[in-house]
Structure formats: C-alpha cells, structure tokens
Amino acid sequence: MDISAPTARVNGAQLSQQVGKKVRFVCKTESVEGNLMRVTAADNMAVTVQLTGTGAYDTAYLEFEGIVENASTVREIEHTNFGNTFDMGSYNELCLLANGEHRNLFL
C-alpha cells in the first residue's frame, strides 16, 4: 500500500476544502443524465459527479475516487460499487473524525 500521498475521505461539506485535490467520496445515487450523476453525500448534501463512462454503476451506494472540481462537483477517476445498503451516518462521522481534531490518527 502506497501511503506517500494519502487520499482524503470527505463528505459533501468538506469538498470545498479539497478543490483541485484527489478524494474518496461515498454517496447515494439519485439520477444519471449523460455523463453527470446526481448523488447525495453522507451529510445529505447534493453533489454532481462527472462520470468517465467506464464501468457499471450497479448499486445504490458508490465510492468515487476523483478530483474535486468545485464545492459541489467531483470528476471521477474510478469508482467502487458499495451495494444497496450502507450506513451513511457512520461514514459521515468517519469523515468528520478523519478531517477534524483526530486527523493525526488517519493517513
């Protein structure tokens, strides 16, 4: 595992702090229009994901690795299907801890 450049795990509100950077972002799919997916972040914020068009988006919950374009848009690098059930509340708490006062415990 390469830890030389760790990727931040973020919720919707934290995207604005990561513009231009690579992040990991778990969300719930709402709709797809062309190469744009409308999703809901773990903190219930609406976010747009610019899709690469590769792979299948088969489940309700997805994790995207991507570049933050602006406070509400992520450009996909790759994604992982996370299934049709996922505890977004716990994931949101993880994001708060990983980017807050306990960030030194995370890569």
PDB file of N, CA and C in Angstrom:
ATOM      1  N   MET A   1       0.842  -1.175   0.000  1.00  0.00           N
ATOM      2  CA  MET A   1       0.000   0.000   0.000  1.00  0.00           C
ATOM      3  C   MET A   1       0.892   1.243   0.000  1.00  0.00           C
ATOM      4  N   ASP A   2       0.632   2.134  -0.932  1.00  0.00           N
ATOM      5  CA  ASP A   2       1.385   3.382  -1.042  1.00  0.00           C
ATOM      6  C   ASP A   2       0.747   4.432  -0.140  1.00  0.00           C
ATOM      7  N   ILE A   3       1.477   4.883   0.883  1.00  0.00           N
ATOM      8  CA  ILE A   3       0.943   5.905   1.797  1.00  0.00           C
ATOM      9  C   ILE A   3       1.649   7.244   1.618  1.00  0.00           C
ATOM     10  N   SER A   4       2.403   7.380   0.517  1.00  0.00           N
ATOM     11  CA  SER A   4       3.138   8.622   0.297  1.00  0.00           C
ATOM     12  C   SER A   4       2.223   9.797  -0.026  1.00  0.00           C
ATOM     13  N   ALA A   5       1.063   9.516  -0.582  1.00  0.00           N
ATOM     14  CA  ALA A   5       0.105  10.583  -0.907  1.00  0.00           C
ATOM     15  C   ALA A   5      -1.300  10.106  -0.552  1.00  0.00           C
ATOM     16  N   PRO A   6      -1.646  10.115   0.738  1.00  0.00           N
ATOM     17  CA  PRO A   6      -2.963   9.616   1.139  1.00  0.00           C
ATOM     18  C   PRO A   6      -4.101  10.442   0.544  1.00  0.00           C
ATOM     19  N   THR A   7      -5.213   9.770   0.299  1.00  0.00           N
ATOM     20  CA  THR A   7      -6.395  10.403  -0.273  1.00  0.00           C
ATOM     21  C   THR A   7      -7.407  10.663   0.830  1.00  0.00           C
ATOM     22  N   ALA A   8      -7.867  11.893   0.951  1.00  0.00           N
ATOM     23  CA  ALA A   8      -8.831  12.254   1.991  1.00  0.00           C
ATOM     24  C   ALA A   8     -10.195  11.622   1.715  1.00  0.00           C
ATOM     25  N   ARG A   9     -10.834  11.154   2.770  1.00  0.00           N
ATOM     26  CA  ARG A   9     -12.237  10.715   2.699  1.00  0.00           C
ATOM     27  C   ARG A   9     -13.069  11.910   3.126  1.00  0.00           C
ATOM     28  N   VAL A  10     -14.041  12.273   2.305  1.00  0.00           N
ATOM     29  CA  VAL A  10     -14.794  13.501   2.571  1.00  0.00           C
ATOM     30  C   VAL A  10     -16.295  13.291   2.454  1.00  0.00           C
ATOM     31  N   ASN A  11     -17.026  14.186   3.118  1.00  0.00           N
ATOM     32  CA  ASN A  11     -18.472  14.295   2.921  1.00  0.00           C
ATOM     33  C   ASN A  11     -18.714  15.495   1.999  1.00  0.00           C
ATOM     34  N   GLY A  12     -19.944  15.848   1.774  1.00  0.00           N
ATOM     35  CA  GLY A  12     -20.250  16.953   0.863  1.00  0.00           C
ATOM     36  C   GLY A  12     -19.720  18.302   1.312  1.00  0.00           C
ATOM     37  N   ALA A  13     -19.859  18.616   2.576  1.00  0.00           N
ATOM     38  CA  ALA A  13     -19.416  19.915   3.078  1.00  0.00           C
ATOM     39  C   ALA A  13     -17.907  20.078   3.001  1.00  0.00           C
ATOM     40  N   GLN A  14     -17.172  18.983   3.050  1.00  0.00           N
ATOM     41  CA  GLN A  14     -15.712  19.047   3.047  1.00  0.00           C
ATOM     42  C   GLN A  14     -15.123  19.181   1.643  1.00  0.00           C
ATOM     43  N   LEU A  15     -15.935  19.035   0.611  1.00  0.00           N
ATOM     44  CA  LEU A  15     -15.435  19.167  -0.759  1.00  0.00           C
ATOM     45  C   LEU A  15     -14.803  20.530  -1.006  1.00  0.00           C
ATOM     46  N   SER A  16     -15.385  21.579  -0.453  1.00  0.00           N
ATOM     47  CA  SER A  16     -14.881  22.935  -0.703  1.00  0.00           C
ATOM     48  C   SER A  16     -13.452  23.127  -0.194  1.00  0.00           C
ATOM     49  N   GLN A  17     -13.022  22.305   0.765  1.00  0.00           N
ATOM     50  CA  GLN A  17     -11.661  22.386   1.307  1.00  0.00           C
ATOM     51  C   GLN A  17     -10.662  21.582   0.484  1.00  0.00           C
ATOM     52  N   GLN A  18     -11.164  20.864  -0.529  1.00  0.00           N
ATOM     53  CA  GLN A  18     -10.316  19.943  -1.283  1.00  0.00           C
ATOM     54  C   GLN A  18     -10.282  20.249  -2.782  1.00  0.00           C
ATOM     55  N   VAL A  19     -10.694  21.436  -3.197  1.00  0.00           N
ATOM     56  CA  VAL A  19     -10.753  21.768  -4.629  1.00  0.00           C
ATOM     57  C   VAL A  19      -9.379  21.554  -5.266  1.00  0.00           C
ATOM     58  N   GLY A  20      -9.384  20.813  -6.383  1.00  0.00           N
ATOM     59  CA  GLY A  20      -8.154  20.509  -7.098  1.00  0.00           C
ATOM     60  C   GLY A  20      -7.421  19.278  -6.588  1.00  0.00           C
ATOM     61  N   LYS A  21      -7.922  18.665  -5.522  1.00  0.00           N
ATOM     62  CA  LYS A  21      -7.260  17.512  -4.917  1.00  0.00           C
ATOM     63  C   LYS A  21      -8.044  16.235  -5.164  1.00  0.00           C
ATOM     64  N   LYS A  22      -7.342  15.098  -5.025  1.00  0.00           N
ATOM     65  CA  LYS A  22      -7.980  13.795  -5.146  1.00  0.00           C
ATOM     66  C   LYS A  22      -8.605  13.417  -3.808  1.00  0.00           C
ATOM     67  N   VAL A  23      -9.829  12.899  -3.852  1.00  0.00           N
ATOM     68  CA  VAL A  23     -10.548  12.485  -2.648  1.00  0.00           C
ATOM     69  C   VAL A  23     -11.237  11.147  -2.872  1.00  0.00           C
ATOM     70  N   ARG A  24     -11.691  10.559  -1.787  1.00  0.00           N
ATOM     71  CA  ARG A  24     -12.609   9.414  -1.806  1.00  0.00           C
ATOM     72  C   ARG A  24     -13.918   9.905  -1.212  1.00  0.00           C
ATOM     73  N   PHE A  25     -15.004   9.481  -1.845  1.00  0.00           N
ATOM     74  CA  PHE A  25     -16.299  10.083  -1.557  1.00  0.00           C
ATOM     75  C   PHE A  25     -17.380   9.022  -1.718  1.00  0.00           C
ATOM     76  N   VAL A  26     -18.070   8.657  -0.631  1.00  0.00           N
ATOM     77  CA  VAL A  26     -19.169   7.696  -0.700  1.00  0.00           C
ATOM     78  C   VAL A  26     -20.475   8.459  -0.804  1.00  0.00           C
ATOM     79  N   CYS A  27     -21.366   7.975  -1.680  1.00  0.00           N
ATOM     80  CA  CYS A  27     -22.617   8.695  -1.933  1.00  0.00           C
ATOM     81  C   CYS A  27     -23.726   7.735  -2.338  1.00  0.00           C
ATOM     82  N   LYS A  28     -24.935   8.268  -2.353  1.00  0.00           N
ATOM     83  CA  LYS A  28     -26.106   7.514  -2.818  1.00  0.00           C
ATOM     84  C   LYS A  28     -26.522   8.092  -4.166  1.00  0.00           C
ATOM     85  N   THR A  29     -26.707   7.212  -5.141  1.00  0.00           N
ATOM     86  CA  THR A  29     -27.112   7.621  -6.477  1.00  0.00           C
ATOM     87  C   THR A  29     -28.546   8.137  -6.468  1.00  0.00           C
ATOM     88  N   GLU A  30     -28.769   9.281  -7.112  1.00  0.00           N
ATOM     89  CA  GLU A  30     -30.119   9.830  -7.266  1.00  0.00           C
ATOM     90  C   GLU A  30     -30.582   9.757  -8.720  1.00  0.00           C
ATOM     91  N   SER A  31     -29.726  10.212  -9.657  1.00  0.00           N
ATOM     92  CA  SER A  31     -30.095  10.167 -11.076  1.00  0.00           C
ATOM     93  C   SER A  31     -28.844  10.281 -11.937  1.00  0.00           C
ATOM     94  N   VAL A  32     -28.975   9.838 -13.193  1.00  0.00           N
ATOM     95  CA  VAL A  32     -27.889   9.951 -14.164  1.00  0.00           C
ATOM     96  C   VAL A  32     -28.447  10.592 -15.420  1.00  0.00           C
ATOM     97  N   GLU A  33     -27.740  11.628 -15.900  1.00  0.00           N
ATOM     98  CA  GLU A  33     -28.105  12.305 -17.141  1.00  0.00           C
ATOM     99  C   GLU A  33     -26.833  12.448 -17.966  1.00  0.00           C
ATOM    100  N   GLY A  34     -26.700  11.624 -19.001  1.00  0.00           N
ATOM    101  CA  GLY A  34     -25.484  11.651 -19.799  1.00  0.00           C
ATOM    102  C   GLY A  34     -24.293  11.237 -18.966  1.00  0.00           C
ATOM    103  N   ASN A  35     -23.276  12.103 -18.891  1.00  0.00           N
ATOM    104  CA  ASN A  35     -22.094  11.776 -18.092  1.00  0.00           C
ATOM    105  C   ASN A  35     -22.116  12.449 -16.715  1.00  0.00           C
ATOM    106  N   LEU A  36     -23.291  12.882 -16.269  1.00  0.00           N
ATOM    107  CA  LEU A  36     -23.431  13.502 -14.948  1.00  0.00           C
ATOM    108  C   LEU A  36     -24.315  12.650 -14.049  1.00  0.00           C
ATOM    109  N   MET A  37     -23.836  12.379 -12.856  1.00  0.00           N
ATOM    110  CA  MET A  37     -24.625  11.645 -11.869  1.00  0.00           C
ATOM    111  C   MET A  37     -24.918  12.590 -10.714  1.00  0.00           C
ATOM    112  N   ARG A  38     -26.166  12.701 -10.359  1.00  0.00           N
ATOM    113  CA  ARG A  38     -26.580  13.469  -9.182  1.00  0.00           C
ATOM    114  C   ARG A  38     -26.609  12.489  -8.018  1.00  0.00           C
ATOM    115  N   VAL A  39     -25.948  12.870  -6.932  1.00  0.00           N
ATOM    116  CA  VAL A  39     -25.833  11.983  -5.775  1.00  0.00           C
ATOM    117  C   VAL A  39     -26.102  12.761  -4.498  1.00  0.00           C
ATOM    118  N   THR A  40     -26.316  12.007  -3.426  1.00  0.00           N
ATOM    119  CA  THR A  40     -26.445  12.587  -2.093  1.00  0.00           C
ATOM    120  C   THR A  40     -25.269  12.111  -1.263  1.00  0.00           C
ATOM    121  N   ALA A  41     -24.562  13.062  -0.677  1.00  0.00           N
ATOM    122  CA  ALA A  41     -23.393  12.757   0.151  1.00  0.00           C
ATOM    123  C   ALA A  41     -23.833  12.246   1.521  1.00  0.00           C
ATOM    124  N   ALA A  42     -22.881  11.767   2.294  1.00  0.00           N
ATOM    125  CA  ALA A  42     -23.162  11.217   3.622  1.00  0.00           C
ATOM    126  C   ALA A  42     -23.788  12.237   4.557  1.00  0.00           C
ATOM    127  N   ASP A  43     -23.539  13.528   4.318  1.00  0.00           N
ATOM    128  CA  ASP A  43     -24.122  14.592   5.141  1.00  0.00           C
ATOM    129  C   ASP A  43     -25.352  15.218   4.474  1.00  0.00           C
ATOM    130  N   ASN A  44     -25.934  14.496   3.526  1.00  0.00           N
ATOM    131  CA  ASN A  44     -27.166  14.879   2.816  1.00  0.00           C
ATOM    132  C   ASN A  44     -27.006  16.053   1.852  1.00  0.00           C
ATOM    133  N   MET A  45     -25.777  16.415   1.513  1.00  0.00           N
ATOM    134  CA  MET A  45     -25.568  17.474   0.526  1.00  0.00           C
ATOM    135  C   MET A  45     -25.702  16.897  -0.877  1.00  0.00           C
ATOM    136  N   ALA A  46     -26.282  17.696  -1.787  1.00  0.00           N
ATOM    137  CA  ALA A  46     -26.387  17.315  -3.192  1.00  0.00           C
ATOM    138  C   ALA A  46     -25.055  17.579  -3.885  1.00  0.00           C
ATOM    139  N   VAL A  47     -24.570  16.586  -4.623  1.00  0.00           N
ATOM    140  CA  VAL A  47     -23.283  16.680  -5.313  1.00  0.00           C
ATOM    141  C   VAL A  47     -23.465  16.127  -6.721  1.00  0.00           C
ATOM    142  N   THR A  48     -22.694  16.665  -7.668  1.00  0.00           N
ATOM    143  CA  THR A  48     -22.669  16.155  -9.040  1.00  0.00           C
ATOM    144  C   THR A  48     -21.343  15.463  -9.269  1.00  0.00           C
ATOM    145  N   VAL A  49     -21.398  14.270  -9.880  1.00  0.00           N
ATOM    146  CA  VAL A  49     -20.189  13.546 -10.242  1.00  0.00           C
ATOM    147  C   VAL A  49     -20.104  13.508 -11.760  1.00  0.00           C
ATOM    148  N   GLN A  50     -18.976  13.967 -12.302  1.00  0.00           N
ATOM    149  CA  GLN A  50     -18.714  13.874 -13.739  1.00  0.00           C
ATOM    150  C   GLN A  50     -18.152  12.486 -13.990  1.00  0.00           C
ATOM    151  N   LEU A  51     -18.915  11.652 -14.700  1.00  0.00           N
ATOM    152  CA  LEU A  51     -18.554  10.256 -14.899  1.00  0.00           C
ATOM    153  C   LEU A  51     -17.574  10.081 -16.049  1.00  0.00           C
ATOM    154  N   THR A  52     -16.740   9.041 -15.944  1.00  0.00           N
ATOM    155  CA  THR A  52     -15.822   8.707 -17.023  1.00  0.00           C
ATOM    156  C   THR A  52     -16.517   7.886 -18.096  1.00  0.00           C
ATOM    157  N   GLY A  53     -17.649   7.280 -17.721  1.00  0.00           N
ATOM    158  CA  GLY A  53     -18.378   6.445 -18.670  1.00  0.00           C
ATOM    159  C   GLY A  53     -17.857   5.026 -18.744  1.00  0.00           C
ATOM    160  N   THR A  54     -16.893   4.690 -17.908  1.00  0.00           N
ATOM    161  CA  THR A  54     -16.368   3.332 -17.900  1.00  0.00           C
ATOM    162  C   THR A  54     -16.898   2.583 -16.688  1.00  0.00           C
ATOM    163  N   GLY A  55     -17.197   1.328 -16.880  1.00  0.00           N
ATOM    164  CA  GLY A  55     -17.671   0.510 -15.772  1.00  0.00           C
ATOM    165  C   GLY A  55     -19.160   0.657 -15.560  1.00  0.00           C
ATOM    166  N   ALA A  56     -19.683  -0.201 -14.694  1.00  0.00           N
ATOM    167  CA  ALA A  56     -21.111  -0.209 -14.392  1.00  0.00           C
ATOM    168  C   ALA A  56     -21.357   0.456 -13.039  1.00  0.00           C
ATOM    169  N   TYR A  57     -22.403   1.225 -12.995  1.00  0.00           N
ATOM    170  CA  TYR A  57     -22.831   1.872 -11.754  1.00  0.00           C
ATOM    171  C   TYR A  57     -24.067   1.112 -11.291  1.00  0.00           C
ATOM    172  N   ASP A  58     -23.816  -0.068 -10.696  1.00  0.00           N
ATOM    173  CA  ASP A  58     -24.871  -1.055 -10.478  1.00  0.00           C
ATOM    174  C   ASP A  58     -25.589  -0.979  -9.143  1.00  0.00           C
ATOM    175  N   THR A  59     -25.084  -0.189  -8.203  1.00  0.00           N
ATOM    176  CA  THR A  59     -25.666  -0.223  -6.862  1.00  0.00           C
ATOM    177  C   THR A  59     -26.095   1.168  -6.419  1.00  0.00           C
ATOM    178  N   ALA A  60     -26.906   1.208  -5.393  1.00  0.00           N
ATOM    179  CA  ALA A  60     -27.408   2.485  -4.877  1.00  0.00           C
ATOM    180  C   ALA A  60     -26.296   3.320  -4.254  1.00  0.00           C
ATOM    181  N   TYR A  61     -25.318   2.650  -3.622  1.00  0.00           N
ATOM    182  CA  TYR A  61     -24.228   3.357  -2.950  1.00  0.00           C
ATOM    183  C   TYR A  61     -22.923   3.097  -3.694  1.00  0.00           C
ATOM    184  N   LEU A  62     -22.169   4.157  -3.902  1.00  0.00           N
ATOM    185  CA  LEU A  62     -20.915   4.084  -4.641  1.00  0.00           C
ATOM    186  C   LEU A  62     -19.838   4.853  -3.897  1.00  0.00           C
ATOM    187  N   GLU A  63     -18.593   4.410  -4.057  1.00  0.00           N
ATOM    188  CA  GLU A  63     -17.463   5.208  -3.613  1.00  0.00           C
ATOM    189  C   GLU A  63     -16.736   5.684  -4.866  1.00  0.00           C
ATOM    190  N   PHE A  64     -16.542   6.985  -4.958  1.00  0.00           N
ATOM    191  CA  PHE A  64     -15.793   7.554  -6.067  1.00  0.00           C
ATOM    192  C   PHE A  64     -14.432   8.003  -5.566  1.00  0.00           C
ATOM    193  N   GLU A  65     -13.412   7.736  -6.364  1.00  0.00           N
ATOM    194  CA  GLU A  65     -12.135   8.393  -6.203  1.00  0.00           C
ATOM    195  C   GLU A  65     -12.105   9.396  -7.339  1.00  0.00           C
ATOM    196  N   GLY A  66     -11.856  10.650  -7.010  1.00  0.00           N
ATOM    197  CA  GLY A  66     -11.905  11.661  -8.048  1.00  0.00           C
ATOM    198  C   GLY A  66     -11.259  12.966  -7.627  1.00  0.00           C
ATOM    199  N   ILE A  67     -11.253  13.889  -8.565  1.00  0.00           N
ATOM    200  CA  ILE A  67     -10.704  15.218  -8.341  1.00  0.00           C
ATOM    201  C   ILE A  67     -11.855  16.174  -8.066  1.00  0.00           C
ATOM    202  N   VAL A  68     -11.738  16.961  -7.011  1.00  0.00           N
ATOM    203  CA  VAL A  68     -12.776  17.932  -6.671  1.00  0.00           C
ATOM    204  C   VAL A  68     -12.644  19.125  -7.615  1.00  0.00           C
ATOM    205  N   GLU A  69     -13.680  19.369  -8.408  1.00  0.00           N
ATOM    206  CA  GLU A  69     -13.704  20.475  -9.361  1.00  0.00           C
ATOM    207  C   GLU A  69     -14.140  21.777  -8.687  1.00  0.00           C
ATOM    208  N   ASN A  70     -15.146  21.675  -7.819  1.00  0.00           N
ATOM    209  CA  ASN A  70     -15.636  22.823  -7.048  1.00  0.00           C
ATOM    210  C   ASN A  70     -16.373  22.273  -5.835  1.00  0.00           C
ATOM    211  N   ALA A  71     -17.009  23.126  -5.075  1.00  0.00           N
ATOM    212  CA  ALA A  71     -17.627  22.721  -3.805  1.00  0.00           C
ATOM    213  C   ALA A  71     -18.759  21.705  -3.952  1.00  0.00           C
ATOM    214  N   SER A  72     -19.237  21.486  -5.175  1.00  0.00           N
ATOM    215  CA  SER A  72     -20.331  20.528  -5.342  1.00  0.00           C
ATOM    216  C   SER A  72     -20.146  19.586  -6.528  1.00  0.00           C
ATOM    217  N   THR A  73     -18.908  19.485  -7.050  1.00  0.00           N
ATOM    218  CA  THR A  73     -18.658  18.628  -8.211  1.00  0.00           C
ATOM    219  C   THR A  73     -17.358  17.854  -8.046  1.00  0.00           C
ATOM    220  N   VAL A  74     -17.431  16.550  -8.334  1.00  0.00           N
ATOM    221  CA  VAL A  74     -16.267  15.675  -8.318  1.00  0.00           C
ATOM    222  C   VAL A  74     -16.144  15.045  -9.698  1.00  0.00           C
ATOM    223  N   ARG A  75     -14.925  15.040 -10.262  1.00  0.00           N
ATOM    224  CA  ARG A  75     -14.650  14.386 -11.547  1.00  0.00           C
ATOM    225  C   ARG A  75     -14.106  12.995 -11.257  1.00  0.00           C
ATOM    226  N   GLU A  76     -14.821  11.977 -11.699  1.00  0.00           N
ATOM    227  CA  GLU A  76     -14.463  10.594 -11.404  1.00  0.00           C
ATOM    228  C   GLU A  76     -13.117  10.189 -12.010  1.00  0.00           C
ATOM    229  N   ILE A  77     -12.324   9.487 -11.202  1.00  0.00           N
ATOM    230  CA  ILE A  77     -11.158   8.769 -11.691  1.00  0.00           C
ATOM    231  C   ILE A  77     -11.532   7.294 -11.783  1.00  0.00           C
ATOM    232  N   GLU A  78     -12.123   6.789 -10.695  1.00  0.00           N
ATOM    233  CA  GLU A  78     -12.629   5.418 -10.672  1.00  0.00           C
ATOM    234  C   GLU A  78     -13.699   5.317  -9.595  1.00  0.00           C
ATOM    235  N   HIS A  79     -14.412   4.208  -9.610  1.00  0.00           N
ATOM    236  CA  HIS A  79     -15.448   4.025  -8.602  1.00  0.00           C
ATOM    237  C   HIS A  79     -15.506   2.569  -8.166  1.00  0.00           C
ATOM    238  N   THR A  80     -16.150   2.362  -7.016  1.00  0.00           N
ATOM    239  CA  THR A  80     -16.395   1.031  -6.478  1.00  0.00           C
ATOM    240  C   THR A  80     -17.865   0.964  -6.083  1.00  0.00           C
ATOM    241  N   ASN A  81     -18.552  -0.086  -6.530  1.00  0.00           N
ATOM    242  CA  ASN A  81     -19.925  -0.296  -6.097  1.00  0.00           C
ATOM    243  C   ASN A  81     -19.914  -0.720  -4.630  1.00  0.00           C
ATOM    244  N   PHE A  82     -20.756  -0.072  -3.813  1.00  0.00           N
ATOM    245  CA  PHE A  82     -20.800  -0.344  -2.375  1.00  0.00           C
ATOM    246  C   PHE A  82     -22.083  -1.060  -1.950  1.00  0.00           C
ATOM    247  N   GLY A  83     -22.879  -1.521  -2.870  1.00  0.00           N
ATOM    248  CA  GLY A  83     -24.078  -2.268  -2.524  1.00  0.00           C
ATOM    249  C   GLY A  83     -25.306  -1.384  -2.399  1.00  0.00           C
ATOM    250  N   ASN A  84     -26.390  -2.003  -1.981  1.00  0.00           N
ATOM    251  CA  ASN A  84     -27.671  -1.301  -1.887  1.00  0.00           C
ATOM    252  C   ASN A  84     -28.044  -0.903  -0.472  1.00  0.00           C
ATOM    253  N   THR A  85     -27.217  -1.258   0.493  1.00  0.00           N
ATOM    254  CA  THR A  85     -27.395  -0.786   1.868  1.00  0.00           C
ATOM    255  C   THR A  85     -26.040  -0.324   2.377  1.00  0.00           C
ATOM    256  N   PHE A  86     -26.015   0.814   3.037  1.00  0.00           N
ATOM    257  CA  PHE A  86     -24.766   1.372   3.561  1.00  0.00           C
ATOM    258  C   PHE A  86     -25.121   2.374   4.644  1.00  0.00           C
ATOM    259  N   ASP A  87     -24.384   2.363   5.735  1.00  0.00           N
ATOM    260  CA  ASP A  87     -24.658   3.265   6.858  1.00  0.00           C
ATOM    261  C   ASP A  87     -23.968   4.614   6.612  1.00  0.00           C
ATOM    262  N   MET A  88     -24.698   5.521   5.986  1.00  0.00           N
ATOM    263  CA  MET A  88     -24.139   6.833   5.647  1.00  0.00           C
ATOM    264  C   MET A  88     -23.867   7.673   6.896  1.00  0.00           C
ATOM    265  N   GLY A  89     -24.637   7.482   7.939  1.00  0.00           N
ATOM    266  CA  GLY A  89     -24.408   8.227   9.175  1.00  0.00           C
ATOM    267  C   GLY A  89     -23.049   7.916   9.773  1.00  0.00           C
ATOM    268  N   SER A  90     -22.688   6.640   9.807  1.00  0.00           N
ATOM    269  CA  SER A  90     -21.376   6.246  10.336  1.00  0.00           C
ATOM    270  C   SER A  90     -20.256   6.740   9.429  1.00  0.00           C
ATOM    271  N   TYR A  91     -20.474   6.676   8.111  1.00  0.00           N
ATOM    272  CA  TYR A  91     -19.461   7.175   7.182  1.00  0.00           C
ATOM    273  C   TYR A  91     -19.262   8.682   7.365  1.00  0.00           C
ATOM    274  N   ASN A  92     -20.347   9.403   7.575  1.00  0.00           N
ATOM    275  CA  ASN A  92     -20.230  10.843   7.801  1.00  0.00           C
ATOM    276  C   ASN A  92     -19.413  11.121   9.058  1.00  0.00           C
ATOM    277  N   GLU A  93     -19.642  10.357  10.120  1.00  0.00           N
ATOM    278  CA  GLU A  93     -18.865  10.516  11.350  1.00  0.00           C
ATOM    279  C   GLU A  93     -17.384  10.229  11.092  1.00  0.00           C
ATOM    280  N   LEU A  94     -17.093   9.203  10.293  1.00  0.00           N
ATOM    281  CA  LEU A  94     -15.711   8.903   9.932  1.00  0.00           C
ATOM    282  C   LEU A  94     -15.065  10.097   9.232  1.00  0.00           C
ATOM    283  N   CYS A  95     -15.784  10.698   8.293  1.00  0.00           N
ATOM    284  CA  CYS A  95     -15.262  11.868   7.570  1.00  0.00           C
ATOM    285  C   CYS A  95     -14.980  13.019   8.529  1.00  0.00           C
ATOM    286  N   LEU A  96     -15.869  13.232   9.483  1.00  0.00           N
ATOM    287  CA  LEU A  96     -15.667  14.310  10.457  1.00  0.00           C
ATOM    288  C   LEU A  96     -14.436  14.060  11.318  1.00  0.00           C
ATOM    289  N   LEU A  97     -14.251  12.816  11.761  1.00  0.00           N
ATOM    290  CA  LEU A  97     -13.082  12.474  12.568  1.00  0.00           C
ATOM    291  C   LEU A  97     -11.795  12.560  11.751  1.00  0.00           C
ATOM    292  N   ALA A  98     -11.832  12.042  10.516  1.00  0.00           N
ATOM    293  CA  ALA A  98     -10.632  11.982   9.674  1.00  0.00           C
ATOM    294  C   ALA A  98     -10.167  13.354   9.216  1.00  0.00           C
ATOM    295  N   ASN A  99     -11.046  14.340   9.235  1.00  0.00           N
ATOM    296  CA  ASN A  99     -10.693  15.681   8.780  1.00  0.00           C
ATOM    297  C   ASN A  99     -10.776  16.708   9.903  1.00  0.00           C
ATOM    298  N   GLY A 100     -10.975  16.248  11.118  1.00  0.00           N
ATOM    299  CA  GLY A 100     -11.125  17.148  12.252  1.00  0.00           C
ATOM    300  C   GLY A 100      -9.979  17.011  13.241  1.00  0.00           C
ATOM    301  N   GLU A 101     -10.318  17.117  14.500  1.00  0.00           N
ATOM    302  CA  GLU A 101      -9.297  17.135  15.542  1.00  0.00           C
ATOM    303  C   GLU A 101      -8.512  15.827  15.663  1.00  0.00           C
ATOM    304  N   HIS A 102      -9.022  14.734  15.101  1.00  0.00           N
ATOM    305  CA  HIS A 102      -8.344  13.438  15.191  1.00  0.00           C
ATOM    306  C   HIS A 102      -7.679  13.039  13.875  1.00  0.00           C
ATOM    307  N   ARG A 103      -7.431  13.997  12.991  1.00  0.00           N
ATOM    308  CA  ARG A 103      -6.866  13.670  11.675  1.00  0.00           C
ATOM    309  C   ARG A 103      -5.505  12.996  11.773  1.00  0.00           C
ATOM    310  N   ASN A 104      -4.773  13.208  12.867  1.00  0.00           N
ATOM    311  CA  ASN A 104      -3.469  12.572  13.012  1.00  0.00           C
ATOM    312  C   ASN A 104      -3.557  11.064  13.163  1.00  0.00           C
ATOM    313  N   LEU A 105      -4.737  10.524  13.462  1.00  0.00           N
ATOM    314  CA  LEU A 105      -4.936   9.079  13.584  1.00  0.00           C
ATOM    315  C   LEU A 105      -5.149   8.419  12.222  1.00  0.00           C
ATOM    316  N   PHE A 106      -5.391   9.221  11.204  1.00  0.00           N
ATOM    317  CA  PHE A 106      -5.667   8.721   9.864  1.00  0.00           C
ATOM    318  C   PHE A 106      -4.509   9.048   8.939  1.00  0.00           C
ATOM    319  N   LEU A 107      -4.333   8.262   7.905  1.00  0.00           N
ATOM    320  CA  LEU A 107      -3.265   8.548   6.927  1.00  0.00           C
ATOM    321  C   LEU A 107      -3.544   9.824   6.181  1.00  0.00           C
TER     322      LEU A 107
END
